[in-house]
Structure formats: C-alpha cells, structure tokens
C-alpha cells in the first residue's frame, strides 16, 4: 500500500480548483498575472497537481502539450478513487508441485560400433 504524504505546504484555491504546489503557483502568477484561467493554464503547463473537491484533475485538462497551446473550452476530468469492498471469502488451495523445467531427461544412449 502506498504511503500518503502529509501536505505541509499551503494550497491555493483558484475558482473551484485547488492548486497544490505553492512554488509552481507562484511561478504561474509571475508569468501570467492574476487572471484565474491563465493561472490554471500556466500551472497545468508546469505539471502542477490540480484537485477538484479532493479528487485529482487529469493533467492536460487546461494545457495541451501536443499542440503546445491552451485547451479551448476546457472540460476537466477528475480521477475518483473508490474504496475496495470485499464481500466474499477467498479459499487458498495448495497446488501440486509441478516438475522442474530445464532438467535433463534420462534417455537411453545407443552405442554405435
């Protein structure tokens, strides 16, 4: 199981999105100013983690790396995590030992005279 990192840095809220990496937020603001949409585009271009209601927004939702341009009319997609629910018991059965592969076969050798 992956360990969760504690969020020691402050996050910034831009519109309905949470920008996690403070250093990248500051670089985005220095680059484009205080326009919220431009900050989201520049932050996504820098590869910063964007969250919406606690769920991760897919990278490239605001900036398209293939065209190297901002996405027109962005429709961000989020990755939702579901909790695993185990409702059935699983029985573990021991398997019979399989023959080892790569062993030499014993063959009768013909003697040629």
PDB file of N, CA and C in Angstrom:
ATOM      1  N   UNK A   1       0.836  -1.164   0.000  1.00  0.00           N
ATOM      2  CA  UNK A   1       0.000   0.000   0.000  1.00  0.00           C
ATOM      3  C   UNK A   1       0.888   1.235   0.000  1.00  0.00           C
ATOM      4  N   UNK A   2       0.527   2.214  -0.799  1.00  0.00           N
ATOM      5  CA  UNK A   2       1.324   3.419  -0.910  1.00  0.00           C
ATOM      6  C   UNK A   2       1.137   4.294   0.330  1.00  0.00           C
ATOM      7  N   UNK A   3       2.210   4.917   0.741  1.00  0.00           N
ATOM      8  CA  UNK A   3       2.137   5.811   1.885  1.00  0.00           C
ATOM      9  C   UNK A   3       1.626   7.169   1.423  1.00  0.00           C
ATOM     10  N   UNK A   4       0.827   7.807   2.250  1.00  0.00           N
ATOM     11  CA  UNK A   4       0.328   9.133   1.924  1.00  0.00           C
ATOM     12  C   UNK A   4       1.280  10.171   2.487  1.00  0.00           C
ATOM     13  N   UNK A   5       1.606  11.173   1.657  1.00  0.00           N
ATOM     14  CA  UNK A   5       2.441  12.260   2.123  1.00  0.00           C
ATOM     15  C   UNK A   5       1.566  13.269   2.839  1.00  0.00           C
ATOM     16  N   UNK A   6       2.084  13.802   3.909  1.00  0.00           N
ATOM     17  CA  UNK A   6       1.353  14.852   4.593  1.00  0.00           C
ATOM     18  C   UNK A   6       1.572  16.152   3.849  1.00  0.00           C
ATOM     19  N   UNK A   7       0.501  16.877   3.658  1.00  0.00           N
ATOM     20  CA  UNK A   7       0.585  18.139   2.939  1.00  0.00           C
ATOM     21  C   UNK A   7       1.077  19.220   3.888  1.00  0.00           C
ATOM     22  N   UNK A   8       2.357  19.552   3.777  1.00  0.00           N
ATOM     23  CA  UNK A   8       2.935  20.549   4.659  1.00  0.00           C
ATOM     24  C   UNK A   8       2.849  21.942   4.044  1.00  0.00           C
ATOM     25  N   UNK A   9       2.664  22.025   2.730  1.00  0.00           N
ATOM     26  CA  UNK A   9       2.579  23.313   2.058  1.00  0.00           C
ATOM     27  C   UNK A   9       1.131  23.770   2.008  1.00  0.00           C
ATOM     28  N   UNK A  10       0.944  25.072   1.924  1.00  0.00           N
ATOM     29  CA  UNK A  10      -0.392  25.614   1.767  1.00  0.00           C
ATOM     30  C   UNK A  10      -0.807  25.467   0.307  1.00  0.00           C
ATOM     31  N   UNK A  11      -2.096  25.248   0.105  1.00  0.00           N
ATOM     32  CA  UNK A  11      -2.612  25.166  -1.257  1.00  0.00           C
ATOM     33  C   UNK A  11      -3.302  26.471  -1.601  1.00  0.00           C
ATOM     34  N   UNK A  12      -3.507  26.700  -2.891  1.00  0.00           N
ATOM     35  CA  UNK A  12      -4.173  27.919  -3.343  1.00  0.00           C
ATOM     36  C   UNK A  12      -5.446  27.532  -4.068  1.00  0.00           C
ATOM     37  N   UNK A  13      -6.531  28.216  -3.791  1.00  0.00           N
ATOM     38  CA  UNK A  13      -7.799  27.969  -4.448  1.00  0.00           C
ATOM     39  C   UNK A  13      -7.949  28.964  -5.588  1.00  0.00           C
ATOM     40  N   UNK A  14      -8.154  28.436  -6.797  1.00  0.00           N
ATOM     41  CA  UNK A  14      -8.396  29.277  -7.967  1.00  0.00           C
ATOM     42  C   UNK A  14      -9.718  28.820  -8.568  1.00  0.00           C
ATOM     43  N   UNK A  15     -10.731  29.662  -8.461  1.00  0.00           N
ATOM     44  CA  UNK A  15     -12.057  29.270  -8.920  1.00  0.00           C
ATOM     45  C   UNK A  15     -12.548  28.119  -8.061  1.00  0.00           C
ATOM     46  N   UNK A  16     -12.899  27.005  -8.687  1.00  0.00           N
ATOM     47  CA  UNK A  16     -13.337  25.823  -7.938  1.00  0.00           C
ATOM     48  C   UNK A  16     -12.252  24.756  -7.866  1.00  0.00           C
ATOM     49  N   UNK A  17     -11.014  25.133  -8.176  1.00  0.00           N
ATOM     50  CA  UNK A  17      -9.901  24.195  -8.201  1.00  0.00           C
ATOM     51  C   UNK A  17      -8.883  24.519  -7.117  1.00  0.00           C
ATOM     52  N   UNK A  18      -8.224  23.477  -6.628  1.00  0.00           N
ATOM     53  CA  UNK A  18      -7.196  23.612  -5.607  1.00  0.00           C
ATOM     54  C   UNK A  18      -5.845  23.310  -6.260  1.00  0.00           C
ATOM     55  N   UNK A  19      -4.932  24.264  -6.197  1.00  0.00           N
ATOM     56  CA  UNK A  19      -3.590  24.095  -6.750  1.00  0.00           C
ATOM     57  C   UNK A  19      -2.663  23.750  -5.593  1.00  0.00           C
ATOM     58  N   UNK A  20      -2.003  22.599  -5.668  1.00  0.00           N
ATOM     59  CA  UNK A  20      -1.304  22.042  -4.517  1.00  0.00           C
ATOM     60  C   UNK A  20       0.127  22.574  -4.350  1.00  0.00           C
ATOM     61  N   UNK A  21       0.869  22.722  -5.430  1.00  0.00           N
ATOM     62  CA  UNK A  21       2.278  23.088  -5.340  1.00  0.00           C
ATOM     63  C   UNK A  21       2.443  24.608  -5.319  1.00  0.00           C
ATOM     64  N   UNK A  22       2.789  25.125  -4.156  1.00  0.00           N
ATOM     65  CA  UNK A  22       2.878  26.573  -3.964  1.00  0.00           C
ATOM     66  C   UNK A  22       3.942  27.222  -4.856  1.00  0.00           C
ATOM     67  N   UNK A  23       5.077  26.564  -5.031  1.00  0.00           N
ATOM     68  CA  UNK A  23       6.157  27.119  -5.857  1.00  0.00           C
ATOM     69  C   UNK A  23       5.704  27.260  -7.317  1.00  0.00           C
ATOM     70  N   UNK A  24       4.985  26.264  -7.820  1.00  0.00           N
ATOM     71  CA  UNK A  24       4.509  26.332  -9.205  1.00  0.00           C
ATOM     72  C   UNK A  24       3.409  27.370  -9.362  1.00  0.00           C
ATOM     73  N   UNK A  25       2.604  27.559  -8.318  1.00  0.00           N
ATOM     74  CA  UNK A  25       1.576  28.608  -8.346  1.00  0.00           C
ATOM     75  C   UNK A  25       2.242  29.974  -8.454  1.00  0.00           C
ATOM     76  N   UNK A  26       3.266  30.193  -7.646  1.00  0.00           N
ATOM     77  CA  UNK A  26       3.979  31.474  -7.675  1.00  0.00           C
ATOM     78  C   UNK A  26       4.627  31.714  -9.035  1.00  0.00           C
ATOM     79  N   UNK A  27       5.201  30.666  -9.648  1.00  0.00           N
ATOM     80  CA  UNK A  27       5.787  30.809 -10.986  1.00  0.00           C
ATOM     81  C   UNK A  27       4.728  31.127 -12.024  1.00  0.00           C
ATOM     82  N   UNK A  28       3.557  30.498 -11.909  1.00  0.00           N
ATOM     83  CA  UNK A  28       2.472  30.754 -12.852  1.00  0.00           C
ATOM     84  C   UNK A  28       1.964  32.186 -12.728  1.00  0.00           C
ATOM     85  N   UNK A  29       1.803  32.649 -11.494  1.00  0.00           N
ATOM     86  CA  UNK A  29       1.332  34.023 -11.273  1.00  0.00           C
ATOM     87  C   UNK A  29       2.359  35.023 -11.789  1.00  0.00           C
ATOM     88  N   UNK A  30       3.652  34.770 -11.556  1.00  0.00           N
ATOM     89  CA  UNK A  30       4.702  35.661 -12.037  1.00  0.00           C
ATOM     90  C   UNK A  30       4.720  35.705 -13.565  1.00  0.00           C
ATOM     91  N   UNK A  31       4.337  34.604 -14.192  1.00  0.00           N
ATOM     92  CA  UNK A  31       4.373  34.515 -15.648  1.00  0.00           C
ATOM     93  C   UNK A  31       3.165  35.175 -16.320  1.00  0.00           C
ATOM     94  N   UNK A  32       1.954  35.006 -15.724  1.00  0.00           N
ATOM     95  CA  UNK A  32       0.743  35.458 -16.426  1.00  0.00           C
ATOM     96  C   UNK A  32      -0.061  36.523 -15.694  1.00  0.00           C
ATOM     97  N   UNK A  33       0.228  36.793 -14.447  1.00  0.00           N
ATOM     98  CA  UNK A  33      -0.551  37.793 -13.715  1.00  0.00           C
ATOM     99  C   UNK A  33      -1.637  37.157 -12.866  1.00  0.00           C
ATOM    100  N   UNK A  34      -2.738  37.874 -12.633  1.00  0.00           N
ATOM    101  CA  UNK A  34      -3.770  37.418 -11.718  1.00  0.00           C
ATOM    102  C   UNK A  34      -5.022  36.871 -12.399  1.00  0.00           C
ATOM    103  N   UNK A  35      -5.026  36.655 -13.679  1.00  0.00           N
ATOM    104  CA  UNK A  35      -6.176  36.081 -14.383  1.00  0.00           C
ATOM    105  C   UNK A  35      -6.303  34.601 -14.007  1.00  0.00           C
ATOM    106  N   UNK A  36      -7.460  34.210 -13.434  1.00  0.00           N
ATOM    107  CA  UNK A  36      -7.629  32.840 -12.925  1.00  0.00           C
ATOM    108  C   UNK A  36      -7.455  31.780 -14.011  1.00  0.00           C
ATOM    109  N   UNK A  37      -8.067  31.980 -15.168  1.00  0.00           N
ATOM    110  CA  UNK A  37      -7.969  30.978 -16.246  1.00  0.00           C
ATOM    111  C   UNK A  37      -6.532  30.856 -16.737  1.00  0.00           C
ATOM    112  N   UNK A  38      -5.837  31.981 -16.863  1.00  0.00           N
ATOM    113  CA  UNK A  38      -4.442  31.954 -17.309  1.00  0.00           C
ATOM    114  C   UNK A  38      -3.549  31.265 -16.280  1.00  0.00           C
ATOM    115  N   UNK A  39      -3.860  31.451 -14.990  1.00  0.00           N
ATOM    116  CA  UNK A  39      -3.084  30.787 -13.932  1.00  0.00           C
ATOM    117  C   UNK A  39      -3.271  29.275 -14.036  1.00  0.00           C
ATOM    118  N   UNK A  40      -4.521  28.829 -14.230  1.00  0.00           N
ATOM    119  CA  UNK A  40      -4.782  27.392 -14.384  1.00  0.00           C
ATOM    120  C   UNK A  40      -4.034  26.807 -15.578  1.00  0.00           C
ATOM    121  N   UNK A  41      -4.036  27.528 -16.695  1.00  0.00           N
ATOM    122  CA  UNK A  41      -3.347  27.052 -17.905  1.00  0.00           C
ATOM    123  C   UNK A  41      -1.846  26.953 -17.653  1.00  0.00           C
ATOM    124  N   UNK A  42      -1.261  28.004 -17.092  1.00  0.00           N
ATOM    125  CA  UNK A  42       0.188  28.018 -16.853  1.00  0.00           C
ATOM    126  C   UNK A  42       0.582  26.975 -15.813  1.00  0.00           C
ATOM    127  N   UNK A  43      -0.226  26.811 -14.764  1.00  0.00           N
ATOM    128  CA  UNK A  43       0.040  25.818 -13.721  1.00  0.00           C
ATOM    129  C   UNK A  43      -0.024  24.405 -14.296  1.00  0.00           C
ATOM    130  N   UNK A  44      -1.008  24.148 -15.158  1.00  0.00           N
ATOM    131  CA  UNK A  44      -1.115  22.841 -15.817  1.00  0.00           C
ATOM    132  C   UNK A  44       0.070  22.624 -16.754  1.00  0.00           C
ATOM    133  N   UNK A  45       0.508  23.678 -17.412  1.00  0.00           N
ATOM    134  CA  UNK A  45       1.684  23.603 -18.295  1.00  0.00           C
ATOM    135  C   UNK A  45       2.934  23.218 -17.495  1.00  0.00           C
ATOM    136  N   UNK A  46       3.029  23.705 -16.261  1.00  0.00           N
ATOM    137  CA  UNK A  46       4.168  23.390 -15.398  1.00  0.00           C
ATOM    138  C   UNK A  46       4.058  21.995 -14.779  1.00  0.00           C
ATOM    139  N   UNK A  47       2.907  21.357 -14.939  1.00  0.00           N
ATOM    140  CA  UNK A  47       2.734  19.998 -14.428  1.00  0.00           C
ATOM    141  C   UNK A  47       2.329  19.945 -12.970  1.00  0.00           C
ATOM    142  N   UNK A  48       1.677  20.987 -12.486  1.00  0.00           N
ATOM    143  CA  UNK A  48       1.254  21.020 -11.089  1.00  0.00           C
ATOM    144  C   UNK A  48       0.015  20.177 -10.840  1.00  0.00           C
ATOM    145  N   UNK A  49      -0.115  19.690  -9.609  1.00  0.00           N
ATOM    146  CA  UNK A  49      -1.268  18.878  -9.210  1.00  0.00           C
ATOM    147  C   UNK A  49      -2.467  19.785  -8.969  1.00  0.00           C
ATOM    148  N   UNK A  50      -3.561  19.496  -9.685  1.00  0.00           N
ATOM    149  CA  UNK A  50      -4.803  20.251  -9.550  1.00  0.00           C
ATOM    150  C   UNK A  50      -5.850  19.315  -8.976  1.00  0.00           C
ATOM    151  N   UNK A  51      -6.598  19.789  -7.977  1.00  0.00           N
ATOM    152  CA  UNK A  51      -7.670  18.993  -7.381  1.00  0.00           C
ATOM    153  C   UNK A  51      -8.991  19.730  -7.495  1.00  0.00           C
ATOM    154  N   UNK A  52     -10.049  18.948  -7.602  1.00  0.00           N
ATOM    155  CA  UNK A  52     -11.411  19.481  -7.592  1.00  0.00           C
ATOM    156  C   UNK A  52     -12.213  18.649  -6.605  1.00  0.00           C
ATOM    157  N   UNK A  53     -12.667  19.271  -5.525  1.00  0.00           N
ATOM    158  CA  UNK A  53     -13.398  18.591  -4.456  1.00  0.00           C
ATOM    159  C   UNK A  53     -12.633  17.381  -3.924  1.00  0.00           C
ATOM    160  N   UNK A  54     -11.317  17.510  -3.807  1.00  0.00           N
ATOM    161  CA  UNK A  54     -10.476  16.451  -3.257  1.00  0.00           C
ATOM    162  C   UNK A  54     -10.021  15.407  -4.259  1.00  0.00           C
ATOM    163  N   UNK A  55     -10.560  15.422  -5.465  1.00  0.00           N
ATOM    164  CA  UNK A  55     -10.175  14.454  -6.496  1.00  0.00           C
ATOM    165  C   UNK A  55      -9.166  15.083  -7.448  1.00  0.00           C
ATOM    166  N   UNK A  56      -8.240  14.276  -7.927  1.00  0.00           N
ATOM    167  CA  UNK A  56      -7.197  14.754  -8.836  1.00  0.00           C
ATOM    168  C   UNK A  56      -7.781  15.042 -10.214  1.00  0.00           C
ATOM    169  N   UNK A  57      -7.434  16.195 -10.769  1.00  0.00           N
ATOM    170  CA  UNK A  57      -7.825  16.547 -12.133  1.00  0.00           C
ATOM    171  C   UNK A  57      -6.758  15.988 -13.069  1.00  0.00           C
ATOM    172  N   UNK A  58      -7.175  15.395 -14.174  1.00  0.00           N
ATOM    173  CA  UNK A  58      -6.249  14.800 -15.134  1.00  0.00           C
ATOM    174  C   UNK A  58      -5.355  15.886 -15.725  1.00  0.00           C
ATOM    175  N   UNK A  59      -4.043  15.624 -15.752  1.00  0.00           N
ATOM    176  CA  UNK A  59      -3.096  16.574 -16.332  1.00  0.00           C
ATOM    177  C   UNK A  59      -3.414  16.781 -17.814  1.00  0.00           C
ATOM    178  N   UNK A  60      -3.267  18.011 -18.263  1.00  0.00           N
ATOM    179  CA  UNK A  60      -3.561  18.325 -19.659  1.00  0.00           C
ATOM    180  C   UNK A  60      -4.995  18.788 -19.862  1.00  0.00           C
ATOM    181  N   UNK A  61      -5.724  18.991 -18.783  1.00  0.00           N
ATOM    182  CA  UNK A  61      -7.108  19.457 -18.904  1.00  0.00           C
ATOM    183  C   UNK A  61      -7.179  20.924 -19.319  1.00  0.00           C
ATOM    184  N   UNK A  62      -6.136  21.691 -19.011  1.00  0.00           N
ATOM    185  CA  UNK A  62      -6.136  23.118 -19.332  1.00  0.00           C
ATOM    186  C   UNK A  62      -5.070  23.485 -20.368  1.00  0.00           C
ATOM    187  N   UNK A  63      -4.011  22.665 -20.484  1.00  0.00           N
ATOM    188  CA  UNK A  63      -2.934  22.947 -21.437  1.00  0.00           C
ATOM    189  C   UNK A  63      -2.622  21.679 -22.226  1.00  0.00           C
ATOM    190  N   UNK A  64      -2.689  21.782 -23.550  1.00  0.00           N
ATOM    191  CA  UNK A  64      -2.439  20.638 -24.427  1.00  0.00           C
ATOM    192  C   UNK A  64      -0.969  20.636 -24.833  1.00  0.00           C
ATOM    193  N   UNK A  65      -0.247  19.619 -24.392  1.00  0.00           N
ATOM    194  CA  UNK A  65       1.195  19.538 -24.687  1.00  0.00           C
ATOM    195  C   UNK A  65       1.471  19.185 -26.158  1.00  0.00           C
ATOM    196  N   UNK A  66       0.535  18.502 -26.805  1.00  0.00           N
ATOM    197  CA  UNK A  66       0.764  18.139 -28.219  1.00  0.00           C
ATOM    198  C   UNK A  66       0.757  19.368 -29.114  1.00  0.00           C
ATOM    199  N   UNK A  67      -0.193  20.262 -28.881  1.00  0.00           N
ATOM    200  CA  UNK A  67      -0.269  21.471 -29.699  1.00  0.00           C
ATOM    201  C   UNK A  67       0.496  22.630 -29.073  1.00  0.00           C
ATOM    202  N   UNK A  68       0.904  22.463 -27.822  1.00  0.00           N
ATOM    203  CA  UNK A  68       1.616  23.494 -27.060  1.00  0.00           C
ATOM    204  C   UNK A  68       0.791  24.771 -26.948  1.00  0.00           C
ATOM    205  N   UNK A  69      -0.543  24.580 -26.786  1.00  0.00           N
ATOM    206  CA  UNK A  69      -1.464  25.703 -26.656  1.00  0.00           C
ATOM    207  C   UNK A  69      -2.472  25.407 -25.547  1.00  0.00           C
ATOM    208  N   UNK A  70      -3.089  26.463 -25.000  1.00  0.00           N
ATOM    209  CA  UNK A  70      -4.152  26.241 -24.016  1.00  0.00           C
ATOM    210  C   UNK A  70      -5.336  25.512 -24.650  1.00  0.00           C
ATOM    211  N   UNK A  71      -6.023  24.711 -23.875  1.00  0.00           N
ATOM    212  CA  UNK A  71      -7.200  23.996 -24.355  1.00  0.00           C
ATOM    213  C   UNK A  71      -8.345  24.992 -24.473  1.00  0.00           C
ATOM    214  N   UNK A  72      -8.986  25.008 -25.642  1.00  0.00           N
ATOM    215  CA  UNK A  72     -10.148  25.871 -25.819  1.00  0.00           C
ATOM    216  C   UNK A  72     -11.348  25.197 -25.168  1.00  0.00           C
ATOM    217  N   UNK A  73     -12.096  25.937 -24.394  1.00  0.00           N
ATOM    218  CA  UNK A  73     -13.263  25.418 -23.680  1.00  0.00           C
ATOM    219  C   UNK A  73     -12.905  24.167 -22.878  1.00  0.00           C
ATOM    220  N   UNK A  74     -12.048  24.311 -21.851  1.00  0.00           N
ATOM    221  CA  UNK A  74     -11.608  23.145 -21.076  1.00  0.00           C
ATOM    222  C   UNK A  74     -12.749  22.479 -20.315  1.00  0.00           C
ATOM    223  N   UNK A  75     -12.760  21.158 -20.360  1.00  0.00           N
ATOM    224  CA  UNK A  75     -13.714  20.350 -19.603  1.00  0.00           C
ATOM    225  C   UNK A  75     -12.897  19.358 -18.774  1.00  0.00           C
ATOM    226  N   UNK A  76     -12.434  19.803 -17.605  1.00  0.00           N
ATOM    227  CA  UNK A  76     -11.548  18.965 -16.800  1.00  0.00           C
ATOM    228  C   UNK A  76     -12.208  17.655 -16.376  1.00  0.00           C
ATOM    229  N   UNK A  77     -11.417  16.588 -16.418  1.00  0.00           N
ATOM    230  CA  UNK A  77     -11.859  15.280 -15.940  1.00  0.00           C
ATOM    231  C   UNK A  77     -11.138  14.997 -14.635  1.00  0.00           C
ATOM    232  N   UNK A  78     -11.832  14.351 -13.708  1.00  0.00           N
ATOM    233  CA  UNK A  78     -11.224  14.027 -12.420  1.00  0.00           C
ATOM    234  C   UNK A  78     -11.103  12.517 -12.276  1.00  0.00           C
ATOM    235  N   UNK A  79     -10.144  12.120 -11.459  1.00  0.00           N
ATOM    236  CA  UNK A  79      -9.939  10.715 -11.145  1.00  0.00           C
ATOM    237  C   UNK A  79     -10.524  10.493  -9.761  1.00  0.00           C
ATOM    238  N   UNK A  80     -11.541   9.687  -9.682  1.00  0.00           N
ATOM    239  CA  UNK A  80     -12.172   9.398  -8.393  1.00  0.00           C
ATOM    240  C   UNK A  80     -11.682   8.053  -7.900  1.00  0.00           C
ATOM    241  N   UNK A  81     -11.414   7.996  -6.623  1.00  0.00           N
ATOM    242  CA  UNK A  81     -10.963   6.742  -6.014  1.00  0.00           C
ATOM    243  C   UNK A  81     -12.135   6.101  -5.299  1.00  0.00           C
ATOM    244  N   UNK A  82     -12.263   4.797  -5.477  1.00  0.00           N
ATOM    245  CA  UNK A  82     -13.310   4.069  -4.795  1.00  0.00           C
ATOM    246  C   UNK A  82     -12.682   3.184  -3.733  1.00  0.00           C
ATOM    247  N   UNK A  83     -13.380   3.044  -2.646  1.00  0.00           N
ATOM    248  CA  UNK A  83     -12.898   2.158  -1.603  1.00  0.00           C
ATOM    249  C   UNK A  83     -13.230   0.731  -1.994  1.00  0.00           C
ATOM    250  N   UNK A  84     -12.280  -0.152  -1.793  1.00  0.00           N
ATOM    251  CA  UNK A  84     -12.491  -1.556  -2.121  1.00  0.00           C
ATOM    252  C   UNK A  84     -13.371  -2.196  -1.060  1.00  0.00           C
ATOM    253  N   UNK A  85     -14.332  -2.970  -1.507  1.00  0.00           N
ATOM    254  CA  UNK A  85     -15.224  -3.679  -0.595  1.00  0.00           C
ATOM    255  C   UNK A  85     -15.096  -5.158  -0.899  1.00  0.00           C
ATOM    256  N   UNK A  86     -14.706  -5.920   0.120  1.00  0.00           N
ATOM    257  CA  UNK A  86     -14.566  -7.361  -0.059  1.00  0.00           C
ATOM    258  C   UNK A  86     -15.741  -8.022   0.631  1.00  0.00           C
ATOM    259  N   UNK A  87     -16.555  -8.704  -0.151  1.00  0.00           N
ATOM    260  CA  UNK A  87     -17.752  -9.320   0.398  1.00  0.00           C
ATOM    261  C   UNK A  87     -17.706 -10.837   0.358  1.00  0.00           C
ATOM    262  N   UNK A  88     -16.720 -11.408  -0.266  1.00  0.00           N
ATOM    263  CA  UNK A  88     -16.667 -12.862  -0.363  1.00  0.00           C
ATOM    264  C   UNK A  88     -15.352 -13.375   0.202  1.00  0.00           C
ATOM    265  N   UNK A  89     -15.392 -14.581   0.685  1.00  0.00           N
ATOM    266  CA  UNK A  89     -14.181 -15.193   1.206  1.00  0.00           C
ATOM    267  C   UNK A  89     -13.471 -15.898   0.062  1.00  0.00           C
ATOM    268  N   UNK A  90     -12.174 -15.845   0.102  1.00  0.00           N
ATOM    269  CA  UNK A  90     -11.377 -16.491  -0.929  1.00  0.00           C
ATOM    270  C   UNK A  90     -10.645 -17.653  -0.293  1.00  0.00           C
ATOM    271  N   UNK A  91     -10.804 -18.835  -0.886  1.00  0.00           N
ATOM    272  CA  UNK A  91     -10.147 -20.022  -0.360  1.00  0.00           C
ATOM    273  C   UNK A  91      -8.837 -20.224  -1.113  1.00  0.00           C
ATOM    274  N   UNK A  92      -7.762 -20.414  -0.368  1.00  0.00           N
ATOM    275  CA  UNK A  92      -6.452 -20.628  -0.964  1.00  0.00           C
ATOM    276  C   UNK A  92      -6.153 -22.120  -0.907  1.00  0.00           C
ATOM    277  N   UNK A  93      -5.906 -22.701  -2.073  1.00  0.00           N
ATOM    278  CA  UNK A  93      -5.647 -24.134  -2.169  1.00  0.00           C
ATOM    279  C   UNK A  93      -4.208 -24.325  -2.596  1.00  0.00           C
ATOM    280  N   UNK A  94      -3.510 -25.240  -1.914  1.00  0.00           N
ATOM    281  CA  UNK A  94      -2.127 -25.501  -2.296  1.00  0.00           C
ATOM    282  C   UNK A  94      -2.099 -26.285  -3.608  1.00  0.00           C
ATOM    283  N   UNK A  95      -1.189 -25.923  -4.470  1.00  0.00           N
ATOM    284  CA  UNK A  95      -1.055 -26.589  -5.759  1.00  0.00           C
ATOM    285  C   UNK A  95      -0.085 -27.747  -5.637  1.00  0.00           C
ATOM    286  N   UNK A  96      -0.265 -28.727  -6.517  1.00  0.00           N
ATOM    287  CA  UNK A  96       0.690 -29.835  -6.553  1.00  0.00           C
ATOM    288  C   UNK A  96       1.990 -29.311  -7.117  1.00  0.00           C
ATOM    289  N   UNK A  97       3.084 -29.923  -6.679  1.00  0.00           N
ATOM    290  CA  UNK A  97       4.377 -29.477  -7.187  1.00  0.00           C
ATOM    291  C   UNK A  97       4.488 -29.818  -8.659  1.00  0.00           C
ATOM    292  N   UNK A  98       4.818 -28.845  -9.441  1.00  0.00           N
ATOM    293  CA  UNK A  98       4.998 -29.048 -10.869  1.00  0.00           C
ATOM    294  C   UNK A  98       6.425 -29.535 -11.103  1.00  0.00           C
ATOM    295  N   UNK A  99       6.633 -30.348 -12.143  1.00  0.00           N
ATOM    296  CA  UNK A  99       8.002 -30.784 -12.432  1.00  0.00           C
ATOM    297  C   UNK A  99       8.861 -29.585 -12.810  1.00  0.00           C
ATOM    298  N   UNK A 100      10.109 -29.651 -12.409  1.00  0.00           N
ATOM    299  CA  UNK A 100      11.019 -28.549 -12.692  1.00  0.00           C
ATOM    300  C   UNK A 100      11.330 -28.511 -14.176  1.00  0.00           C
ATOM    301  N   UNK A 101      11.366 -27.316 -14.717  1.00  0.00           N
ATOM    302  CA  UNK A 101      11.683 -27.141 -16.135  1.00  0.00           C
ATOM    303  C   UNK A 101      13.193 -27.044 -16.292  1.00  0.00           C
ATOM    304  N   UNK A 102      13.665 -27.465 -17.445  1.00  0.00           N
ATOM    305  CA  UNK A 102      15.079 -27.330 -17.752  1.00  0.00           C
ATOM    306  C   UNK A 102      15.929 -28.477 -17.255  1.00  0.00           C
ATOM    307  N   UNK A 103      15.335 -29.475 -16.652  1.00  0.00           N
ATOM    308  CA  UNK A 103      16.093 -30.617 -16.162  1.00  0.00           C
ATOM    309  C   UNK A 103      16.467 -31.532 -17.323  1.00  0.00           C
ATOM    310  N   UNK A 104      17.544 -32.285 -17.178  1.00  0.00           N
ATOM    311  CA  UNK A 104      17.962 -33.197 -18.242  1.00  0.00           C
ATOM    312  C   UNK A 104      17.087 -34.434 -18.214  1.00  0.00           C
ATOM    313  N   UNK A 105      16.688 -34.847 -19.382  1.00  0.00           N
ATOM    314  CA  UNK A 105      15.886 -36.057 -19.498  1.00  0.00           C
ATOM    315  C   UNK A 105      16.825 -37.244 -19.589  1.00  0.00           C
ATOM    316  N   UNK A 106      16.447 -38.298 -18.919  1.00  0.00           N
ATOM    317  CA  UNK A 106      17.256 -39.505 -18.994  1.00  0.00           C
ATOM    318  C   UNK A 106      16.819 -40.286 -20.220  1.00  0.00           C
ATOM    319  N   UNK A 107      17.719 -40.452 -21.140  1.00  0.00           N
ATOM    320  CA  UNK A 107      17.407 -41.178 -22.369  1.00  0.00           C
ATOM    321  C   UNK A 107      18.411 -42.325 -22.526  1.00  0.00           C
ATOM    322  N   UNK A 108      17.947 -43.339 -23.146  1.00  0.00           N
ATOM    323  CA  UNK A 108      18.841 -44.480 -23.412  1.00  0.00           C
ATOM    324  C   UNK A 108      19.786 -44.057 -24.540  1.00  0.00           C
ATOM    325  N   UNK A 109      21.070 -44.263 -24.344  1.00  0.00           N
ATOM    326  CA  UNK A 109      22.040 -43.896 -25.356  1.00  0.00           C
ATOM    327  C   UNK A 109      22.362 -45.129 -26.202  1.00  0.00           C
ATOM    328  N   UNK A 110      22.416 -44.907 -27.482  1.00  0.00           N
ATOM    329  CA  UNK A 110      22.757 -46.004 -28.377  1.00  0.00           C
ATOM    330  C   UNK A 110      24.262 -46.033 -28.537  1.00  0.00           C
ATOM    331  N   UNK A 111      24.771 -47.226 -28.519  1.00  0.00           N
ATOM    332  CA  UNK A 111      26.206 -47.402 -28.693  1.00  0.00           C
ATOM    333  C   UNK A 111      26.421 -47.780 -30.153  1.00  0.00           C
ATOM    334  N   UNK A 112      27.210 -46.976 -30.853  1.00  0.00           N
ATOM    335  CA  UNK A 112      27.492 -47.233 -32.264  1.00  0.00           C
ATOM    336  C   UNK A 112      28.871 -47.883 -32.365  1.00  0.00           C
ATOM    337  N   UNK A 113      28.915 -49.057 -33.015  1.00  0.00           N
ATOM    338  CA  UNK A 113      30.205 -49.742 -33.164  1.00  0.00           C
ATOM    339  C   UNK A 113      30.682 -49.742 -34.563  1.00  0.00           C
TER     340      UNK A 113
END
